[in-house]
Amino acid sequence: MSLCMVESGVVYADVSPEPRLRADLESLRRQVRDRDAVDAIVSLSRVDIIQSPSIGSLVLLHKALHERGQRLILCDMGMATHCILYVAGLHRLLDVADDKVAALALLRRLQKHKG
């Protein structure tokens, strides 16, 4: 996983495909927990398919951020992963954008409505 700050208060993670995905998401959850007030954008560009344990880690990451008033936005998602998350009902829980630029724009809109 590569992780960087794309702007103040926003981390961007490009996560690994399965079978490393779950570990990347858990590592990201620990890292954002240890930082003050960060939103997270997660690129799933290298993820062809997402398995149940990784879906669980994704939900835990969302919950950890949401409890602190922060956001998780997924981007660069392939069709198979998108369909799996939709069938799992997570399309109602998770914010999704086409790419990093769109994710940053969505994050700004969400922050504007929050404050």
PDB file of N, CA and C in Angstrom:
ATOM      1  N   MET A   1       0.850  -1.177   0.000  1.00  0.00           N
ATOM      2  CA  MET A   1       0.000   0.000   0.000  1.00  0.00           C
ATOM      3  C   MET A   1       0.889   1.230   0.000  1.00  0.00           C
ATOM      4  N   SER A   2       0.515   2.185  -0.827  1.00  0.00           N
ATOM      5  CA  SER A   2       1.195   3.474  -0.749  1.00  0.00           C
ATOM      6  C   SER A   2       0.236   4.469  -0.106  1.00  0.00           C
ATOM      7  N   LEU A   3       0.772   5.300   0.766  1.00  0.00           N
ATOM      8  CA  LEU A   3      -0.036   6.240   1.536  1.00  0.00           C
ATOM      9  C   LEU A   3       0.628   7.604   1.485  1.00  0.00           C
ATOM     10  N   CYS A   4      -0.169   8.648   1.230  1.00  0.00           N
ATOM     11  CA  CYS A   4       0.377  10.001   1.234  1.00  0.00           C
ATOM     12  C   CYS A   4      -0.717  10.987   1.626  1.00  0.00           C
ATOM     13  N   MET A   5      -0.296  12.156   2.046  1.00  0.00           N
ATOM     14  CA  MET A   5      -1.223  13.248   2.324  1.00  0.00           C
ATOM     15  C   MET A   5      -1.409  14.009   1.008  1.00  0.00           C
ATOM     16  N   VAL A   6      -2.649  14.100   0.524  1.00  0.00           N
ATOM     17  CA  VAL A   6      -2.877  14.820  -0.730  1.00  0.00           C
ATOM     18  C   VAL A   6      -3.171  16.291  -0.485  1.00  0.00           C
ATOM     19  N   GLU A   7      -3.669  16.580   0.692  1.00  0.00           N
ATOM     20  CA  GLU A   7      -3.822  17.950   1.172  1.00  0.00           C
ATOM     21  C   GLU A   7      -4.020  17.869   2.668  1.00  0.00           C
ATOM     22  N   SER A   8      -4.051  19.000   3.309  1.00  0.00           N
ATOM     23  CA  SER A   8      -4.160  19.016   4.761  1.00  0.00           C
ATOM     24  C   SER A   8      -5.416  18.262   5.207  1.00  0.00           C
ATOM     25  N   GLY A   9      -5.214  17.268   6.048  1.00  0.00           N
ATOM     26  CA  GLY A   9      -6.337  16.527   6.599  1.00  0.00           C
ATOM     27  C   GLY A   9      -6.917  15.452   5.702  1.00  0.00           C
ATOM     28  N   VAL A  10      -6.231  15.137   4.604  1.00  0.00           N
ATOM     29  CA  VAL A  10      -6.730  14.104   3.689  1.00  0.00           C
ATOM     30  C   VAL A  10      -5.595  13.146   3.326  1.00  0.00           C
ATOM     31  N   VAL A  11      -5.766  11.863   3.684  1.00  0.00           N
ATOM     32  CA  VAL A  11      -4.805  10.850   3.280  1.00  0.00           C
ATOM     33  C   VAL A  11      -5.345  10.111   2.064  1.00  0.00           C
ATOM     34  N   TYR A  12      -4.414   9.702   1.211  1.00  0.00           N
ATOM     35  CA  TYR A  12      -4.747   8.949   0.004  1.00  0.00           C
ATOM     36  C   TYR A  12      -3.978   7.646   0.051  1.00  0.00           C
ATOM     37  N   ALA A  13      -4.710   6.538  -0.076  1.00  0.00           N
ATOM     38  CA  ALA A  13      -4.074   5.223  -0.041  1.00  0.00           C
ATOM     39  C   ALA A  13      -4.403   4.464  -1.317  1.00  0.00           C
ATOM     40  N   ASP A  14      -3.376   3.942  -1.939  1.00  0.00           N
ATOM     41  CA  ASP A  14      -3.531   3.063  -3.090  1.00  0.00           C
ATOM     42  C   ASP A  14      -3.271   1.658  -2.560  1.00  0.00           C
ATOM     43  N   VAL A  15      -4.348   0.896  -2.350  1.00  0.00           N
ATOM     44  CA  VAL A  15      -4.237  -0.393  -1.669  1.00  0.00           C
ATOM     45  C   VAL A  15      -3.903  -1.525  -2.638  1.00  0.00           C
ATOM     46  N   SER A  16      -3.375  -2.590  -2.073  1.00  0.00           N
ATOM     47  CA  SER A  16      -2.981  -3.783  -2.828  1.00  0.00           C
ATOM     48  C   SER A  16      -4.207  -4.634  -3.152  1.00  0.00           C
ATOM     49  N   PRO A  17      -4.073  -5.482  -4.170  1.00  0.00           N
ATOM     50  CA  PRO A  17      -5.153  -6.416  -4.464  1.00  0.00           C
ATOM     51  C   PRO A  17      -5.192  -7.549  -3.438  1.00  0.00           C
ATOM     52  N   GLU A  18      -6.238  -8.368  -3.508  1.00  0.00           N
ATOM     53  CA  GLU A  18      -6.294  -9.563  -2.677  1.00  0.00           C
ATOM     54  C   GLU A  18      -5.075 -10.422  -3.012  1.00  0.00           C
ATOM     55  N   PRO A  19      -4.489 -11.101  -2.090  1.00  0.00           N
ATOM     56  CA  PRO A  19      -4.902 -11.331  -0.715  1.00  0.00           C
ATOM     57  C   PRO A  19      -4.362 -10.307   0.292  1.00  0.00           C
ATOM     58  N   ARG A  20      -3.674  -9.241  -0.156  1.00  0.00           N
ATOM     59  CA  ARG A  20      -3.097  -8.223   0.746  1.00  0.00           C
ATOM     60  C   ARG A  20      -4.087  -7.136   1.132  1.00  0.00           C
ATOM     61  N   LEU A  21      -5.216  -7.073   0.464  1.00  0.00           N
ATOM     62  CA  LEU A  21      -6.147  -5.967   0.657  1.00  0.00           C
ATOM     63  C   LEU A  21      -6.586  -5.807   2.105  1.00  0.00           C
ATOM     64  N   ARG A  22      -6.972  -6.889   2.739  1.00  0.00           N
ATOM     65  CA  ARG A  22      -7.439  -6.817   4.126  1.00  0.00           C
ATOM     66  C   ARG A  22      -6.361  -6.228   5.035  1.00  0.00           C
ATOM     67  N   ALA A  23      -5.142  -6.698   4.887  1.00  0.00           N
ATOM     68  CA  ALA A  23      -4.042  -6.186   5.716  1.00  0.00           C
ATOM     69  C   ALA A  23      -3.805  -4.700   5.451  1.00  0.00           C
ATOM     70  N   ASP A  24      -3.898  -4.281   4.196  1.00  0.00           N
ATOM     71  CA  ASP A  24      -3.739  -2.857   3.870  1.00  0.00           C
ATOM     72  C   ASP A  24      -4.817  -2.014   4.529  1.00  0.00           C
ATOM     73  N   LEU A  25      -6.060  -2.487   4.467  1.00  0.00           N
ATOM     74  CA  LEU A  25      -7.165  -1.730   5.059  1.00  0.00           C
ATOM     75  C   LEU A  25      -7.045  -1.658   6.576  1.00  0.00           C
ATOM     76  N   GLU A  26      -6.599  -2.738   7.198  1.00  0.00           N
ATOM     77  CA  GLU A  26      -6.394  -2.729   8.649  1.00  0.00           C
ATOM     78  C   GLU A  26      -5.245  -1.802   9.038  1.00  0.00           C
ATOM     79  N   SER A  27      -4.190  -1.800   8.240  1.00  0.00           N
ATOM     80  CA  SER A  27      -3.063  -0.891   8.480  1.00  0.00           C
ATOM     81  C   SER A  27      -3.512   0.559   8.331  1.00  0.00           C
ATOM     82  N   LEU A  28      -4.292   0.825   7.319  1.00  0.00           N
ATOM     83  CA  LEU A  28      -4.809   2.176   7.115  1.00  0.00           C
ATOM     84  C   LEU A  28      -5.690   2.605   8.286  1.00  0.00           C
ATOM     85  N   ARG A  29      -6.514   1.698   8.782  1.00  0.00           N
ATOM     86  CA  ARG A  29      -7.375   2.021   9.933  1.00  0.00           C
ATOM     87  C   ARG A  29      -6.535   2.396  11.146  1.00  0.00           C
ATOM     88  N   ARG A  30      -5.464   1.666  11.392  1.00  0.00           N
ATOM     89  CA  ARG A  30      -4.573   2.003  12.520  1.00  0.00           C
ATOM     90  C   ARG A  30      -3.911   3.361  12.302  1.00  0.00           C
ATOM     91  N   GLN A  31      -3.491   3.620  11.083  1.00  0.00           N
ATOM     92  CA  GLN A  31      -2.796   4.873  10.800  1.00  0.00           C
ATOM     93  C   GLN A  31      -3.725   6.084  10.916  1.00  0.00           C
ATOM     94  N   VAL A  32      -4.950   5.984  10.426  1.00  0.00           N
ATOM     95  CA  VAL A  32      -5.846   7.141  10.542  1.00  0.00           C
ATOM     96  C   VAL A  32      -6.310   7.323  11.981  1.00  0.00           C
ATOM     97  N   ARG A  33      -6.384   6.231  12.728  1.00  0.00           N
ATOM     98  CA  ARG A  33      -6.756   6.328  14.140  1.00  0.00           C
ATOM     99  C   ARG A  33      -5.709   7.121  14.919  1.00  0.00           C
ATOM    100  N   ASP A  34      -4.446   6.996  14.514  1.00  0.00           N
ATOM    101  CA  ASP A  34      -3.356   7.660  15.211  1.00  0.00           C
ATOM    102  C   ASP A  34      -3.133   9.104  14.753  1.00  0.00           C
ATOM    103  N   ARG A  35      -3.887   9.558  13.762  1.00  0.00           N
ATOM    104  CA  ARG A  35      -3.747  10.934  13.273  1.00  0.00           C
ATOM    105  C   ARG A  35      -4.957  11.750  13.716  1.00  0.00           C
ATOM    106  N   ASP A  36      -4.759  13.047  13.804  1.00  0.00           N
ATOM    107  CA  ASP A  36      -5.858  13.936  14.159  1.00  0.00           C
ATOM    108  C   ASP A  36      -6.654  14.305  12.918  1.00  0.00           C
ATOM    109  N   ALA A  37      -7.957  14.097  12.971  1.00  0.00           N
ATOM    110  CA  ALA A  37      -8.915  14.599  11.985  1.00  0.00           C
ATOM    111  C   ALA A  37      -8.465  14.451  10.535  1.00  0.00           C
ATOM    112  N   VAL A  38      -8.423  13.238  10.072  1.00  0.00           N
ATOM    113  CA  VAL A  38      -8.105  13.017   8.665  1.00  0.00           C
ATOM    114  C   VAL A  38      -9.239  12.269   7.976  1.00  0.00           C
ATOM    115  N   ASP A  39      -9.545  12.705   6.766  1.00  0.00           N
ATOM    116  CA  ASP A  39     -10.438  11.967   5.889  1.00  0.00           C
ATOM    117  C   ASP A  39      -9.554  11.050   5.058  1.00  0.00           C
ATOM    118  N   ALA A  40     -10.144   9.993   4.498  1.00  0.00           N
ATOM    119  CA  ALA A  40      -9.357   9.044   3.717  1.00  0.00           C
ATOM    120  C   ALA A  40      -9.983   8.807   2.353  1.00  0.00           C
ATOM    121  N   ILE A  41      -9.138   8.847   1.344  1.00  0.00           N
ATOM    122  CA  ILE A  41      -9.510   8.451  -0.012  1.00  0.00           C
ATOM    123  C   ILE A  41      -8.734   7.178  -0.303  1.00  0.00           C
ATOM    124  N   VAL A  42      -9.457   6.131  -0.698  1.00  0.00           N
ATOM    125  CA  VAL A  42      -8.833   4.847  -0.961  1.00  0.00           C
ATOM    126  C   VAL A  42      -9.031   4.489  -2.426  1.00  0.00           C
ATOM    127  N   SER A  43      -7.909   4.337  -3.122  1.00  0.00           N
ATOM    128  CA  SER A  43      -7.947   3.909  -4.518  1.00  0.00           C
ATOM    129  C   SER A  43      -7.959   2.388  -4.583  1.00  0.00           C
ATOM    130  N   LEU A  44      -8.955   1.866  -5.277  1.00  0.00           N
ATOM    131  CA  LEU A  44      -9.069   0.422  -5.471  1.00  0.00           C
ATOM    132  C   LEU A  44      -8.655   0.031  -6.892  1.00  0.00           C
ATOM    133  N   SER A  45      -7.779   0.823  -7.501  1.00  0.00           N
ATOM    134  CA  SER A  45      -7.401   0.618  -8.899  1.00  0.00           C
ATOM    135  C   SER A  45      -6.742  -0.733  -9.152  1.00  0.00           C
ATOM    136  N   ARG A  46      -6.069  -1.278  -8.151  1.00  0.00           N
ATOM    137  CA  ARG A  46      -5.379  -2.561  -8.324  1.00  0.00           C
ATOM    138  C   ARG A  46      -6.214  -3.743  -7.849  1.00  0.00           C
ATOM    139  N   VAL A  47      -7.438  -3.477  -7.371  1.00  0.00           N
ATOM    140  CA  VAL A  47      -8.300  -4.518  -6.812  1.00  0.00           C
ATOM    141  C   VAL A  47      -9.265  -5.008  -7.888  1.00  0.00           C
ATOM    142  N   ASP A  48      -9.090  -6.266  -8.287  1.00  0.00           N
ATOM    143  CA  ASP A  48      -9.988  -6.852  -9.285  1.00  0.00           C
ATOM    144  C   ASP A  48     -11.277  -7.350  -8.649  1.00  0.00           C
ATOM    145  N   ILE A  49     -11.142  -7.928  -7.467  1.00  0.00           N
ATOM    146  CA  ILE A  49     -12.279  -8.487  -6.755  1.00  0.00           C
ATOM    147  C   ILE A  49     -12.013  -8.317  -5.260  1.00  0.00           C
ATOM    148  N   ILE A  50     -13.077  -8.151  -4.504  1.00  0.00           N
ATOM    149  CA  ILE A  50     -12.923  -7.959  -3.061  1.00  0.00           C
ATOM    150  C   ILE A  50     -13.603  -9.116  -2.334  1.00  0.00           C
ATOM    151  N   GLN A  51     -12.886  -9.714  -1.387  1.00  0.00           N
ATOM    152  CA  GLN A  51     -13.392 -10.864  -0.652  1.00  0.00           C
ATOM    153  C   GLN A  51     -14.026 -10.423   0.670  1.00  0.00           C
ATOM    154  N   SER A  52     -14.811 -11.308   1.253  1.00  0.00           N
ATOM    155  CA  SER A  52     -15.564 -10.994   2.474  1.00  0.00           C
ATOM    156  C   SER A  52     -14.720 -10.416   3.603  1.00  0.00           C
ATOM    157  N   PRO A  53     -13.558 -10.988   3.937  1.00  0.00           N
ATOM    158  CA  PRO A  53     -12.764 -10.403   5.029  1.00  0.00           C
ATOM    159  C   PRO A  53     -12.349  -8.955   4.738  1.00  0.00           C
ATOM    160  N   SER A  54     -12.060  -8.663   3.481  1.00  0.00           N
ATOM    161  CA  SER A  54     -11.682  -7.301   3.111  1.00  0.00           C
ATOM    162  C   SER A  54     -12.881  -6.364   3.171  1.00  0.00           C
ATOM    163  N   ILE A  55     -14.051  -6.863   2.831  1.00  0.00           N
ATOM    164  CA  ILE A  55     -15.274  -6.059   2.957  1.00  0.00           C
ATOM    165  C   ILE A  55     -15.478  -5.686   4.422  1.00  0.00           C
ATOM    166  N   GLY A  56     -15.260  -6.658   5.320  1.00  0.00           N
ATOM    167  CA  GLY A  56     -15.364  -6.386   6.754  1.00  0.00           C
ATOM    168  C   GLY A  56     -14.374  -5.321   7.198  1.00  0.00           C
ATOM    169  N   SER A  57     -13.147  -5.393   6.707  1.00  0.00           N
ATOM    170  CA  SER A  57     -12.133  -4.392   7.054  1.00  0.00           C
ATOM    171  C   SER A  57     -12.500  -3.016   6.503  1.00  0.00           C
ATOM    172  N   LEU A  58     -13.109  -2.991   5.332  1.00  0.00           N
ATOM    173  CA  LEU A  58     -13.566  -1.735   4.732  1.00  0.00           C
ATOM    174  C   LEU A  58     -14.661  -1.097   5.589  1.00  0.00           C
ATOM    175  N   VAL A  59     -15.586  -1.911   6.068  1.00  0.00           N
ATOM    176  CA  VAL A  59     -16.653  -1.405   6.942  1.00  0.00           C
ATOM    177  C   VAL A  59     -16.072  -0.893   8.257  1.00  0.00           C
ATOM    178  N   LEU A  60     -15.106  -1.606   8.823  1.00  0.00           N
ATOM    179  CA  LEU A  60     -14.468  -1.149  10.069  1.00  0.00           C
ATOM    180  C   LEU A  60     -13.723   0.164   9.862  1.00  0.00           C
ATOM    181  N   LEU A  61     -13.070   0.316   8.722  1.00  0.00           N
ATOM    182  CA  LEU A  61     -12.391   1.578   8.407  1.00  0.00           C
ATOM    183  C   LEU A  61     -13.405   2.705   8.305  1.00  0.00           C
ATOM    184  N   HIS A  62     -14.501   2.460   7.599  1.00  0.00           N
ATOM    185  CA  HIS A  62     -15.566   3.465   7.488  1.00  0.00           C
ATOM    186  C   HIS A  62     -16.081   3.847   8.881  1.00  0.00           C
ATOM    187  N   LYS A  63     -16.346   2.850   9.705  1.00  0.00           N
ATOM    188  CA  LYS A  63     -16.879   3.099  11.053  1.00  0.00           C
ATOM    189  C   LYS A  63     -15.899   3.916  11.896  1.00  0.00           C
ATOM    190  N   ALA A  64     -14.618   3.559  11.835  1.00  0.00           N
ATOM    191  CA  ALA A  64     -13.603   4.276  12.620  1.00  0.00           C
ATOM    192  C   ALA A  64     -13.553   5.751  12.223  1.00  0.00           C
ATOM    193  N   LEU A  65     -13.625   6.019  10.941  1.00  0.00           N
ATOM    194  CA  LEU A  65     -13.602   7.409  10.469  1.00  0.00           C
ATOM    195  C   LEU A  65     -14.913   8.116  10.807  1.00  0.00           C
ATOM    196  N   HIS A  66     -16.016   7.447  10.554  1.00  0.00           N
ATOM    197  CA  HIS A  66     -17.337   8.043  10.780  1.00  0.00           C
ATOM    198  C   HIS A  66     -17.530   8.438  12.253  1.00  0.00           C
ATOM    199  N   GLU A  67     -17.061   7.602  13.166  1.00  0.00           N
ATOM    200  CA  GLU A  67     -17.187   7.895  14.602  1.00  0.00           C
ATOM    201  C   GLU A  67     -16.449   9.166  14.996  1.00  0.00           C
ATOM    202  N   ARG A  68     -15.446   9.543  14.222  1.00  0.00           N
ATOM    203  CA  ARG A  68     -14.672  10.759  14.490  1.00  0.00           C
ATOM    204  C   ARG A  68     -15.136  11.932  13.643  1.00  0.00           C
ATOM    205  N   GLY A  69     -16.230  11.723  12.880  1.00  0.00           N
ATOM    206  CA  GLY A  69     -16.743  12.786  12.033  1.00  0.00           C
ATOM    207  C   GLY A  69     -15.977  12.943  10.729  1.00  0.00           C
ATOM    208  N   GLN A  70     -15.236  11.924  10.357  1.00  0.00           N
ATOM    209  CA  GLN A  70     -14.435  11.963   9.138  1.00  0.00           C
ATOM    210  C   GLN A  70     -15.074  11.087   8.063  1.00  0.00           C
ATOM    211  N   ARG A  71     -14.557  11.197   6.848  1.00  0.00           N
ATOM    212  CA  ARG A  71     -15.124  10.508   5.694  1.00  0.00           C
ATOM    213  C   ARG A  71     -14.146   9.523   5.077  1.00  0.00           C
ATOM    214  N   LEU A  72     -14.723   8.476   4.481  1.00  0.00           N
ATOM    215  CA  LEU A  72     -14.000   7.526   3.653  1.00  0.00           C
ATOM    216  C   LEU A  72     -14.615   7.603   2.264  1.00  0.00           C
ATOM    217  N   ILE A  73     -13.778   7.826   1.270  1.00  0.00           N
ATOM    218  CA  ILE A  73     -14.243   7.851  -0.112  1.00  0.00           C
ATOM    219  C   ILE A  73     -13.413   6.851  -0.909  1.00  0.00           C
ATOM    220  N   LEU A  74     -14.098   5.966  -1.615  1.00  0.00           N
ATOM    221  CA  LEU A  74     -13.446   4.990  -2.472  1.00  0.00           C
ATOM    222  C   LEU A  74     -13.395   5.531  -3.885  1.00  0.00           C
ATOM    223  N   CYS A  75     -12.320   5.230  -4.596  1.00  0.00           N
ATOM    224  CA  CYS A  75     -12.231   5.673  -5.983  1.00  0.00           C
ATOM    225  C   CYS A  75     -11.510   4.631  -6.830  1.00  0.00           C
ATOM    226  N   ASP A  76     -11.549   4.858  -8.139  1.00  0.00           N
ATOM    227  CA  ASP A  76     -10.877   3.978  -9.098  1.00  0.00           C
ATOM    228  C   ASP A  76     -11.303   2.522  -8.954  1.00  0.00           C
ATOM    229  N   MET A  77     -12.594   2.316  -8.747  1.00  0.00           N
ATOM    230  CA  MET A  77     -13.114   0.981  -8.480  1.00  0.00           C
ATOM    231  C   MET A  77     -13.502   0.277  -9.783  1.00  0.00           C
ATOM    232  N   GLY A  78     -13.064  -0.975  -9.926  1.00  0.00           N
ATOM    233  CA  GLY A  78     -13.433  -1.781 -11.076  1.00  0.00           C
ATOM    234  C   GLY A  78     -14.883  -2.233 -10.981  1.00  0.00           C
ATOM    235  N   MET A  79     -15.415  -2.663 -12.093  1.00  0.00           N
ATOM    236  CA  MET A  79     -16.820  -3.067 -12.153  1.00  0.00           C
ATOM    237  C   MET A  79     -17.136  -4.240 -11.227  1.00  0.00           C
ATOM    238  N   ALA A  80     -16.270  -5.253 -11.175  1.00  0.00           N
ATOM    239  CA  ALA A  80     -16.546  -6.417 -10.322  1.00  0.00           C
ATOM    240  C   ALA A  80     -16.618  -6.012  -8.847  1.00  0.00           C
ATOM    241  N   THR A  81     -15.676  -5.206  -8.409  1.00  0.00           N
ATOM    242  CA  THR A  81     -15.669  -4.744  -7.018  1.00  0.00           C
ATOM    243  C   THR A  81     -16.896  -3.886  -6.741  1.00  0.00           C
ATOM    244  N   HIS A  82     -17.223  -3.002  -7.659  1.00  0.00           N
ATOM    245  CA  HIS A  82     -18.405  -2.155  -7.510  1.00  0.00           C
ATOM    246  C   HIS A  82     -19.664  -3.009  -7.368  1.00  0.00           C
ATOM    247  N   CYS A  83     -19.806  -4.024  -8.195  1.00  0.00           N
ATOM    248  CA  CYS A  83     -20.979  -4.903  -8.138  1.00  0.00           C
ATOM    249  C   CYS A  83     -21.045  -5.683  -6.827  1.00  0.00           C
ATOM    250  N   ILE A  84     -19.898  -6.164  -6.362  1.00  0.00           N
ATOM    251  CA  ILE A  84     -19.867  -6.907  -5.096  1.00  0.00           C
ATOM    252  C   ILE A  84     -20.315  -6.017  -3.946  1.00  0.00           C
ATOM    253  N   LEU A  85     -19.806  -4.786  -3.902  1.00  0.00           N
ATOM    254  CA  LEU A  85     -20.190  -3.865  -2.820  1.00  0.00           C
ATOM    255  C   LEU A  85     -21.657  -3.479  -2.934  1.00  0.00           C
ATOM    256  N   TYR A  86     -22.169  -3.372  -4.160  1.00  0.00           N
ATOM    257  CA  TYR A  86     -23.583  -3.047  -4.368  1.00  0.00           C
ATOM    258  C   TYR A  86     -24.471  -4.189  -3.865  1.00  0.00           C
ATOM    259  N   VAL A  87     -24.139  -5.410  -4.256  1.00  0.00           N
ATOM    260  CA  VAL A  87     -24.922  -6.578  -3.827  1.00  0.00           C
ATOM    261  C   VAL A  87     -24.876  -6.722  -2.305  1.00  0.00           C
ATOM    262  N   ALA A  88     -23.743  -6.380  -1.696  1.00  0.00           N
ATOM    263  CA  ALA A  88     -23.610  -6.448  -0.236  1.00  0.00           C
ATOM    264  C   ALA A  88     -24.366  -5.318   0.463  1.00  0.00           C
ATOM    265  N   GLY A  89     -24.917  -4.383  -0.316  1.00  0.00           N
ATOM    266  CA  GLY A  89     -25.682  -3.277   0.254  1.00  0.00           C
ATOM    267  C   GLY A  89     -24.834  -2.121   0.736  1.00  0.00           C
ATOM    268  N   LEU A  90     -23.555  -2.136   0.420  1.00  0.00           N
ATOM    269  CA  LEU A  90     -22.663  -1.103   0.927  1.00  0.00           C
ATOM    270  C   LEU A  90     -22.701   0.175   0.111  1.00  0.00           C
ATOM    271  N   HIS A  91     -23.396   0.161  -1.010  1.00  0.00           N
ATOM    272  CA  HIS A  91     -23.519   1.377  -1.824  1.00  0.00           C
ATOM    273  C   HIS A  91     -24.262   2.465  -1.052  1.00  0.00           C
ATOM    274  N   ARG A  92     -25.051   2.076  -0.056  1.00  0.00           N
ATOM    275  CA  ARG A  92     -25.771   3.057   0.775  1.00  0.00           C
ATOM    276  C   ARG A  92     -24.899   3.596   1.903  1.00  0.00           C
ATOM    277  N   LEU A  93     -23.826   2.902   2.210  1.00  0.00           N
ATOM    278  CA  LEU A  93     -22.955   3.274   3.324  1.00  0.00           C
ATOM    279  C   LEU A  93     -21.717   4.031   2.865  1.00  0.00           C
ATOM    280  N   LEU A  94     -21.143   3.613   1.754  1.00  0.00           N
ATOM    281  CA  LEU A  94     -19.853   4.125   1.319  1.00  0.00           C
ATOM    282  C   LEU A  94     -19.980   5.176   0.231  1.00  0.00           C
ATOM    283  N   ASP A  95     -19.129   6.189   0.297  1.00  0.00           N
ATOM    284  CA  ASP A  95     -19.056   7.208  -0.753  1.00  0.00           C
ATOM    285  C   ASP A  95     -18.063   6.735  -1.808  1.00  0.00           C
ATOM    286  N   VAL A  96     -18.455   6.900  -3.082  1.00  0.00           N
ATOM    287  CA  VAL A  96     -17.631   6.433  -4.201  1.00  0.00           C
ATOM    288  C   VAL A  96     -17.469   7.555  -5.209  1.00  0.00           C
ATOM    289  N   ALA A  97     -16.253   7.664  -5.745  1.00  0.00           N
ATOM    290  CA  ALA A  97     -15.957   8.639  -6.801  1.00  0.00           C
ATOM    291  C   ALA A  97     -15.191   7.919  -7.911  1.00  0.00           C
ATOM    292  N   ASP A  98     -15.191   8.515  -9.091  1.00  0.00           N
ATOM    293  CA  ASP A  98     -14.519   7.896 -10.235  1.00  0.00           C
ATOM    294  C   ASP A  98     -13.003   7.831 -10.059  1.00  0.00           C
ATOM    295  N   ASP A  99     -12.407   8.919  -9.575  1.00  0.00           N
ATOM    296  CA  ASP A  99     -10.951   8.986  -9.447  1.00  0.00           C
ATOM    297  C   ASP A  99     -10.578   9.908  -8.293  1.00  0.00           C
ATOM    298  N   LYS A 100      -9.266  10.119  -8.098  1.00  0.00           N
ATOM    299  CA  LYS A 100      -8.800  10.926  -6.966  1.00  0.00           C
ATOM    300  C   LYS A 100      -9.309  12.366  -7.039  1.00  0.00           C
ATOM    301  N   VAL A 101      -9.300  12.957  -8.225  1.00  0.00           N
ATOM    302  CA  VAL A 101      -9.763  14.343  -8.386  1.00  0.00           C
ATOM    303  C   VAL A 101     -11.245  14.445  -8.021  1.00  0.00           C
ATOM    304  N   ALA A 102     -12.046  13.502  -8.514  1.00  0.00           N
ATOM    305  CA  ALA A 102     -13.478  13.501  -8.195  1.00  0.00           C
ATOM    306  C   ALA A 102     -13.707  13.225  -6.704  1.00  0.00           C
ATOM    307  N   ALA A 103     -12.863  12.386  -6.111  1.00  0.00           N
ATOM    308  CA  ALA A 103     -12.983  12.093  -4.682  1.00  0.00           C
ATOM    309  C   ALA A 103     -12.705  13.341  -3.841  1.00  0.00           C
ATOM    310  N   LEU A 104     -11.687  14.103  -4.219  1.00  0.00           N
ATOM    311  CA  LEU A 104     -11.394  15.347  -3.500  1.00  0.00           C
ATOM    312  C   LEU A 104     -12.538  16.340  -3.642  1.00  0.00           C
ATOM    313  N   ALA A 105     -13.111  16.439  -4.832  1.00  0.00           N
ATOM    314  CA  ALA A 105     -14.244  17.343  -5.051  1.00  0.00           C
ATOM    315  C   ALA A 105     -15.454  16.901  -4.217  1.00  0.00           C
ATOM    316  N   LEU A 106     -15.723  15.598  -4.176  1.00  0.00           N
ATOM    317  CA  LEU A 106     -16.826  15.074  -3.365  1.00  0.00           C
ATOM    318  C   LEU A 106     -16.578  15.357  -1.893  1.00  0.00           C
ATOM    319  N   LEU A 107     -15.365  15.167  -1.448  1.00  0.00           N
ATOM    320  CA  LEU A 107     -15.013  15.426  -0.051  1.00  0.00           C
ATOM    321  C   LEU A 107     -15.258  16.891   0.300  1.00  0.00           C
ATOM    322  N   ARG A 108     -14.870  17.793  -0.572  1.00  0.00           N
ATOM    323  CA  ARG A 108     -15.107  19.226  -0.328  1.00  0.00           C
ATOM    324  C   ARG A 108     -16.598  19.536  -0.233  1.00  0.00           C
ATOM    325  N   ARG A 109     -17.400  18.934  -1.135  1.00  0.00           N
ATOM    326  CA  ARG A 109     -18.857  19.153  -1.081  1.00  0.00           C
ATOM    327  C   ARG A 109     -19.441  18.622   0.219  1.00  0.00           C
ATOM    328  N   LEU A 110     -19.009  17.449   0.642  1.00  0.00           N
ATOM    329  CA  LEU A 110     -19.510  16.854   1.876  1.00  0.00           C
ATOM    330  C   LEU A 110     -19.107  17.691   3.090  1.00  0.00           C
ATOM    331  N   GLN A 111     -17.890  18.215   3.095  1.00  0.00           N
ATOM    332  CA  GLN A 111     -17.431  19.048   4.204  1.00  0.00           C
ATOM    333  C   GLN A 111     -18.205  20.361   4.248  1.00  0.00           C
ATOM    334  N   LYS A 112     -18.522  20.886   3.092  1.00  0.00           N
ATOM    335  CA  LYS A 112     -19.274  22.140   3.015  1.00  0.00           C
ATOM    336  C   LYS A 112     -20.667  21.973   3.619  1.00  0.00           C
ATOM    337  N   HIS A 113     -21.297  20.824   3.340  1.00  0.00           N
ATOM    338  CA  HIS A 113     -22.624  20.555   3.900  1.00  0.00           C
ATOM    339  C   HIS A 113     -22.575  20.235   5.379  1.00  0.00           C
ATOM    340  N   LYS A 114     -21.437  19.698   5.834  1.00  0.00           N
ATOM    341  CA  LYS A 114     -21.255  19.339   7.241  1.00  0.00           C
ATOM    342  C   LYS A 114     -21.117  20.593   8.109  1.00  0.00           C
ATOM    343  N   GLY A 115     -20.367  21.552   7.591  1.00  0.00           N
ATOM    344  CA  GLY A 115     -20.044  22.726   8.404  1.00  0.00           C
ATOM    345  C   GLY A 115     -20.846  23.865   8.035  1.00  0.00           C
TER     346      GLY A 115
END
